[in-house]
Structure formats: structure tokens, C-alpha cells
């Protein structure tokens, strides 16, 4: 049973990699995501959004979303062990603003219904930057417009969110921040 689960995990991880790395072009019948704009309102993480502060999720402004739902995955691409996921949240209904301070629970009820996954700290919900001292780290906020709500259990990993059908790449916002 464990080997089967591990094999399924590897297949799902491969599917997510394909979904992220080889996002298909928008077809004529699909929602056009070229007008999606994601804004964070900062160039460097405020202390309150890091492990040195309250460690709460940042506010994210979303403009031009023309999809049934939204998913956000936040990664540190400069982590010593490779890409490190800080936040996975999906089934966000269309909204102009994802407020900061989303509760760290698998199922979110307020300010909107959504589900959150397990980050690479092994926790559900947002866990802010906390890199070792040294060179600056880059954090990628990936926003995905979804044509339907994902049927994933709360606590799923980032690769599971990407393995579901109906996901297409929309916007990539890269922040360069330094914590020494």
C-alpha cells in the first residue's frame, strides 16, 4: 500500500511539473488570462509577513481575473535544498483582493471559502520567508486561473494542486528580497 501511494505521489508530482513548466496556450474557447494583474504592494517582504514578525500572509490584489476560481502557490526558488513552497491556497472565488492574515487552517471560511495545502515546513497555510543568512532569496507568487473548483482535500501538497485538470498559467510575480 505504501509503495502504491509513493508511486501515485511521483506521478502527481510529474503531472504538476508538466502543468507548471509547459502551460498550454489559451485556446479560443478558454478564458483569456492575459489581462490578469497580481500586485503585492511591496518590493521587499514586510517583517509582519516573515518568521521575524507575525508570519501572516500578505495582501494580494488581483485585477482582471476572468475564471471560476484562483489558486496561489508561493515558492522560494533560492532555498538551499531547492525550491521550497511557503503557501498553497486554491478554490479562491473571484475577488479583487485576497486580504492579508488568512487563517492557517485547511478549510478557510473567512473572508471567502477556500482550501489551503501543506507547505514545505510541513504546516497547513502560509509560512513566511525565513531563509538562512547569506545571499538574497527570490520568492515567486504564482497565480493560476482555474476553470472550476479543485476537488482536493485540505492539506494537499502543491504538486497535487497542479496535477488536477483545468489549471493554466496566468501571471508570475517575482520578488527579490534579502534577509541577512
Protein backbone atom coordinates (compact mmCIF):
# COMPACT_ATOMS: atom_id res chain seq x y z
CA UNK A 1 0.00 0.00 0.00
CA UNK A 2 2.83 2.42 0.86
CA UNK A 3 4.62 1.71 -2.44
CA UNK A 4 1.42 2.38 -4.42
CA UNK A 5 0.89 5.68 -2.58
CA UNK A 6 4.52 6.65 -3.26
CA UNK A 7 4.12 5.79 -6.97
CA UNK A 8 0.95 7.86 -7.17
CA UNK A 9 2.76 10.71 -5.43
CA UNK A 10 5.56 10.60 -8.02
CA UNK A 11 3.04 10.54 -10.89
CA UNK A 12 1.20 13.53 -9.42
CA UNK A 13 4.48 15.42 -8.94
CA UNK A 14 5.40 14.77 -12.59
CA UNK A 15 1.95 15.97 -13.71
CA UNK A 16 2.33 19.16 -11.69
CA UNK A 17 5.78 19.80 -13.18
CA UNK A 18 4.30 19.42 -16.65
CA UNK A 19 1.40 21.73 -15.81
CA UNK A 20 3.72 24.43 -14.48
CA UNK A 21 6.60 24.10 -16.94
CA UNK A 22 4.59 23.52 -20.08
CA UNK A 23 1.46 25.59 -19.62
CA UNK A 24 -0.58 25.32 -22.80
CA UNK A 25 -1.53 28.40 -24.77
CA UNK A 26 -5.01 29.77 -24.22
CA UNK A 27 -7.47 28.20 -26.64
CA UNK A 28 -10.21 30.25 -28.27
CA UNK A 29 -12.90 28.73 -26.02
CA UNK A 30 -10.90 29.24 -22.82
CA UNK A 31 -10.83 32.23 -20.54
CA UNK A 32 -8.17 34.73 -21.59
CA UNK A 33 -5.82 35.33 -18.67
CA UNK A 34 -3.62 37.87 -20.42
CA UNK A 35 -5.31 40.72 -18.53
CA UNK A 36 -4.69 39.24 -15.07
CA UNK A 37 -2.62 41.54 -12.87
CA UNK A 38 -1.39 40.50 -9.42
CA UNK A 39 0.02 43.13 -7.06
CA UNK A 40 1.57 42.73 -3.64
CA UNK A 41 2.15 46.38 -2.72
CA UNK A 42 5.79 45.86 -1.70
CA UNK A 43 9.18 45.10 -3.23
CA UNK A 44 10.56 43.52 -0.07
CA UNK A 45 8.57 41.43 2.39
CA UNK A 46 7.37 43.48 5.35
CA UNK A 47 8.59 41.99 8.63
CA UNK A 48 4.99 41.08 9.57
CA UNK A 49 4.91 38.62 6.64
CA UNK A 50 8.11 36.81 7.72
CA UNK A 51 9.19 34.48 10.51
CA UNK A 52 10.74 37.52 12.24
CA UNK A 53 7.29 39.10 12.59
CA UNK A 54 3.71 37.87 12.89
CA UNK A 55 4.28 35.48 9.94
CA UNK A 56 0.92 36.32 8.36
CA UNK A 57 0.09 36.04 4.68
CA UNK A 58 0.37 39.28 2.68
CA UNK A 59 -2.49 41.07 0.99
CA UNK A 60 -2.65 40.25 -2.71
CA UNK A 61 -4.53 42.43 -5.18
CA UNK A 62 -5.98 40.62 -8.19
CA UNK A 63 -7.25 42.50 -11.23
CA UNK A 64 -8.75 41.11 -14.41
CA UNK A 65 -9.50 37.59 -13.19
CA UNK A 66 -11.90 36.02 -15.64
CA UNK A 67 -12.06 32.48 -14.26
CA UNK A 68 -14.16 30.40 -11.89
CA UNK A 69 -11.53 30.37 -9.17
CA UNK A 70 -7.96 31.24 -8.32
CA UNK A 71 -5.03 29.32 -6.84
CA UNK A 72 -1.83 30.82 -5.41
CA UNK A 73 1.46 29.00 -4.85
CA UNK A 74 4.37 30.85 -3.21
CA UNK A 75 7.87 29.39 -3.60
CA UNK A 76 11.38 30.33 -2.51
CA UNK A 77 13.42 29.34 -5.56
CA UNK A 78 16.76 30.01 -3.84
CA UNK A 79 16.36 27.71 -0.82
CA UNK A 80 19.46 25.61 -0.10
CA UNK A 81 17.55 22.35 -0.65
CA UNK A 82 15.91 23.55 -3.89
CA UNK A 83 12.52 25.16 -4.45
CA UNK A 84 10.71 25.50 -1.13
CA UNK A 85 6.92 26.03 -1.02
CA UNK A 86 5.67 28.59 1.51
CA UNK A 87 1.97 28.66 0.66
CA UNK A 88 -0.62 26.76 -1.36
CA UNK A 89 -4.20 28.05 -1.46
CA UNK A 90 -6.90 27.19 -4.01
CA UNK A 91 -10.64 27.43 -4.70
CA UNK A 92 -10.49 31.17 -4.08
CA UNK A 93 -13.64 32.63 -5.63
CA UNK A 94 -13.18 35.58 -8.00
CA UNK A 95 -12.15 38.55 -5.90
CA UNK A 96 -10.24 41.82 -6.26
CA UNK A 97 -8.32 41.42 -3.01
CA UNK A 98 -7.04 38.46 -1.04
CA UNK A 99 -6.68 40.06 2.38
CA UNK A 100 -3.59 39.51 4.47
CA UNK A 101 -3.70 37.29 7.52
CA UNK A 102 -5.60 34.31 6.08
CA UNK A 103 -6.13 31.80 8.90
CA UNK A 104 -3.74 28.83 8.93
CA UNK A 105 -6.39 26.15 8.54
CA UNK A 106 -7.02 23.62 5.79
CA UNK A 107 -10.51 24.90 5.11
CA UNK A 108 -10.88 28.68 5.06
CA UNK A 109 -14.32 30.18 5.69
CA UNK A 110 -13.48 33.86 6.12
CA UNK A 111 -13.08 36.21 4.23
CA UNK A 112 -14.08 33.73 1.50
CA UNK A 113 -14.29 29.95 1.21
CA UNK A 114 -11.02 28.32 0.08
CA UNK A 115 -8.70 25.43 0.86
CA UNK A 116 -5.05 25.51 1.84
CA UNK A 117 -2.38 22.92 1.40
CA UNK A 118 0.69 21.77 3.26
CA UNK A 119 3.79 23.91 2.80
CA UNK A 120 7.36 22.62 2.92
CA UNK A 121 7.57 23.40 6.64
CA UNK A 122 5.01 20.58 7.00
CA UNK A 123 2.30 23.03 8.12
CA UNK A 124 -1.04 23.95 6.58
CA UNK A 125 -1.38 27.53 5.39
CA UNK A 126 1.08 30.36 4.91
CA UNK A 127 4.56 30.30 6.39
CA UNK A 128 6.59 33.37 5.52
CA UNK A 129 10.18 33.77 4.43
CA UNK A 130 12.79 32.62 6.93
CA UNK A 131 15.92 32.00 4.87
CA UNK A 132 19.35 31.36 6.31
CA UNK A 133 21.70 34.35 6.30
CA UNK A 134 23.63 34.91 3.12
CA UNK A 135 22.55 35.78 -0.37
CA UNK A 136 19.09 37.26 -1.04
CA UNK A 137 16.28 34.83 -1.89
CA UNK A 138 13.66 35.23 -4.62
CA UNK A 139 10.02 34.39 -3.88
CA UNK A 140 7.66 33.58 -6.71
CA UNK A 141 3.93 34.20 -6.31
CA UNK A 142 2.28 32.05 -8.97
CA UNK A 143 -1.37 32.83 -9.67
CA UNK A 144 -3.45 30.26 -11.55
CA UNK A 145 -6.84 30.95 -13.08
CA UNK A 146 -8.97 27.81 -12.78
CA UNK A 147 -11.96 26.88 -14.88
CA UNK A 148 -13.50 25.03 -11.93
CA UNK A 149 -13.08 24.46 -8.22
CA UNK A 150 -10.50 21.73 -7.47
CA UNK A 151 -11.70 18.60 -5.74
CA UNK A 152 -8.69 18.35 -3.45
CA UNK A 153 -8.74 17.73 0.28
CA UNK A 154 -7.45 20.45 2.58
CA UNK A 155 -3.79 19.87 3.38
CA UNK A 156 -2.83 18.63 -0.10
CA UNK A 157 0.66 19.49 -1.33
CA UNK A 158 1.47 21.99 -4.10
CA UNK A 159 2.12 19.26 -6.66
CA UNK A 160 -1.36 17.83 -6.06
CA UNK A 161 -2.97 21.21 -6.83
CA UNK A 162 -1.11 21.35 -10.14
CA UNK A 163 -1.93 17.76 -11.07
CA UNK A 164 -5.64 18.49 -11.39
CA UNK A 165 -7.05 19.35 -14.80
CA UNK A 166 -8.28 22.81 -15.68
CA UNK A 167 -5.21 24.71 -14.45
CA UNK A 168 -3.41 27.17 -16.72
CA UNK A 169 -0.65 29.62 -16.06
CA UNK A 170 -1.63 33.24 -15.80
CA UNK A 171 0.81 35.51 -14.02
CA UNK A 172 4.19 35.17 -12.39
CA UNK A 173 5.37 37.82 -9.98
CA UNK A 174 8.92 37.54 -8.70
CA UNK A 175 10.12 39.37 -5.63
CA UNK A 176 13.74 39.71 -4.70
CA UNK A 177 14.21 40.24 -1.02
CA UNK A 178 17.12 39.85 1.33
CA UNK A 179 17.20 38.60 4.88
CA UNK A 180 20.68 38.52 6.30
